[in-house]
């Protein structure tokens, strides 16, 4: 039997706060505008990778929610927070490898506009 110390947290509460999504959007927008204004291709590519990692994070988050919870894995606010952060890092790592090509496609499209 697993005792959760998060009984005060509503079951409908999302672990991924909208604040984090807002921060990601602002960071990406700021980075993208800065790269375009400075005509800095390295910054622009970095912003494209960040956008790809946000997309991948959403995909991985959906995949994570499809995994059934068992009594051995536990379910607490701390576990959800840790897993959310872990999957965010997975998304960043995957986007840095360039294996999907989403960042490359966005970069090519944006460099033609500079």
Protein backbone atom coordinates (compact mmCIF):
# COMPACT_ATOMS: atom_id res chain seq x y z
CA UNK A 1 0.00 0.00 0.00
CA UNK A 2 1.35 3.38 -0.98
CA UNK A 3 0.48 6.40 1.10
CA UNK A 4 0.37 9.63 -0.84
CA UNK A 5 1.21 12.86 0.89
CA UNK A 6 -0.61 14.82 -1.80
CA UNK A 7 -4.17 14.27 -0.62
CA UNK A 8 -4.75 18.03 -0.63
CA UNK A 9 -4.08 18.26 -4.36
CA UNK A 10 -7.23 17.92 -6.48
CA UNK A 11 -7.26 14.95 -8.83
CA UNK A 12 -8.11 17.23 -11.75
CA UNK A 13 -5.04 19.38 -11.25
CA UNK A 14 -2.59 19.22 -14.12
CA UNK A 15 1.05 18.63 -13.30
CA UNK A 16 2.25 20.64 -16.26
CA UNK A 17 1.30 24.17 -15.28
CA UNK A 18 0.13 26.64 -17.85
CA UNK A 19 2.74 28.99 -16.41
CA UNK A 20 5.50 26.73 -17.75
CA UNK A 21 3.91 26.72 -21.18
CA UNK A 22 3.62 30.52 -21.09
CA UNK A 23 7.27 30.87 -20.10
CA UNK A 24 8.30 28.55 -22.94
CA UNK A 25 6.28 30.55 -25.45
CA UNK A 26 7.72 33.86 -24.24
CA UNK A 27 11.27 32.50 -24.27
CA UNK A 28 10.84 31.13 -27.78
CA UNK A 29 9.24 34.33 -29.07
CA UNK A 30 11.94 36.49 -27.52
CA UNK A 31 14.72 34.26 -28.86
CA UNK A 32 13.18 34.15 -32.33
CA UNK A 33 12.69 37.93 -32.54
CA UNK A 34 16.24 38.53 -31.32
CA UNK A 35 17.69 36.13 -33.88
CA UNK A 36 15.74 37.65 -36.76
CA UNK A 37 16.56 41.24 -35.75
CA UNK A 38 20.26 40.48 -35.35
CA UNK A 39 20.28 38.19 -38.41
CA UNK A 40 22.05 35.65 -36.22
CA UNK A 41 21.63 32.22 -37.79
CA UNK A 42 23.00 30.38 -34.76
CA UNK A 43 20.39 31.97 -32.47
CA UNK A 44 17.70 31.31 -35.04
CA UNK A 45 18.59 27.62 -35.24
CA UNK A 46 18.63 27.44 -31.44
CA UNK A 47 15.13 28.93 -31.35
CA UNK A 48 13.98 26.38 -33.93
CA UNK A 49 15.39 23.57 -31.81
CA UNK A 50 13.57 24.97 -28.79
CA UNK A 51 10.28 24.98 -30.71
CA UNK A 52 10.91 21.38 -31.77
CA UNK A 53 11.56 20.42 -28.14
CA UNK A 54 8.27 22.05 -27.05
CA UNK A 55 6.44 20.02 -29.71
CA UNK A 56 8.24 16.82 -28.67
CA UNK A 57 7.45 17.51 -25.03
CA UNK A 58 3.73 17.64 -25.88
CA UNK A 59 4.01 14.35 -27.79
CA UNK A 60 5.93 12.67 -24.97
CA UNK A 61 3.50 14.05 -22.40
CA UNK A 62 0.59 12.48 -24.28
CA UNK A 63 2.47 9.20 -24.44
CA UNK A 64 3.22 9.37 -20.71
CA UNK A 65 -0.44 9.89 -19.88
CA UNK A 66 -1.31 6.69 -21.74
CA UNK A 67 0.86 4.59 -19.41
CA UNK A 68 -1.32 2.90 -16.79
CA UNK A 69 -0.45 3.57 -13.17
CA UNK A 70 0.11 0.57 -10.95
CA UNK A 71 0.38 0.24 -7.23
CA UNK A 72 4.14 -0.37 -7.50
CA UNK A 73 4.94 2.80 -9.43
CA UNK A 74 2.98 5.07 -7.13
CA UNK A 75 1.25 8.28 -8.00
CA UNK A 76 2.08 11.48 -6.21
CA UNK A 77 2.59 15.12 -7.04
CA UNK A 78 6.36 14.67 -6.62
CA UNK A 79 6.43 11.73 -9.04
CA UNK A 80 4.36 13.62 -11.59
CA UNK A 81 6.61 16.68 -11.31
CA UNK A 82 9.76 14.59 -11.67
CA UNK A 83 8.40 12.72 -14.69
CA UNK A 84 7.26 15.96 -16.30
CA UNK A 85 10.74 17.46 -15.92
CA UNK A 86 12.36 14.23 -17.11
CA UNK A 87 10.27 14.13 -20.27
CA UNK A 88 11.05 17.80 -20.91
CA UNK A 89 14.75 16.95 -20.83
CA UNK A 90 14.14 13.96 -23.10
CA UNK A 91 12.49 16.32 -25.59
CA UNK A 92 15.42 18.75 -25.44
CA UNK A 93 17.92 15.94 -25.94
CA UNK A 94 16.02 14.52 -28.90
CA UNK A 95 15.74 17.93 -30.55
CA UNK A 96 19.49 18.52 -30.13
CA UNK A 97 20.25 15.36 -32.13
CA UNK A 98 18.39 16.69 -35.16
CA UNK A 99 16.99 13.25 -35.88
CA UNK A 100 13.44 14.44 -36.52
CA UNK A 101 14.25 17.35 -38.78
CA UNK A 102 11.49 19.64 -37.56
CA UNK A 103 13.96 22.31 -36.44
CA UNK A 104 15.79 22.05 -39.77
CA UNK A 105 12.58 22.54 -41.75
CA UNK A 106 11.55 25.57 -39.67
CA UNK A 107 15.06 27.00 -39.90
CA UNK A 108 15.11 26.70 -43.70
CA UNK A 109 11.75 28.39 -43.95
CA UNK A 110 12.72 31.26 -41.63
CA UNK A 111 16.15 31.87 -43.19
CA UNK A 112 14.49 32.46 -46.53
CA UNK A 113 12.56 35.33 -44.89
CA UNK A 114 15.60 37.07 -43.37
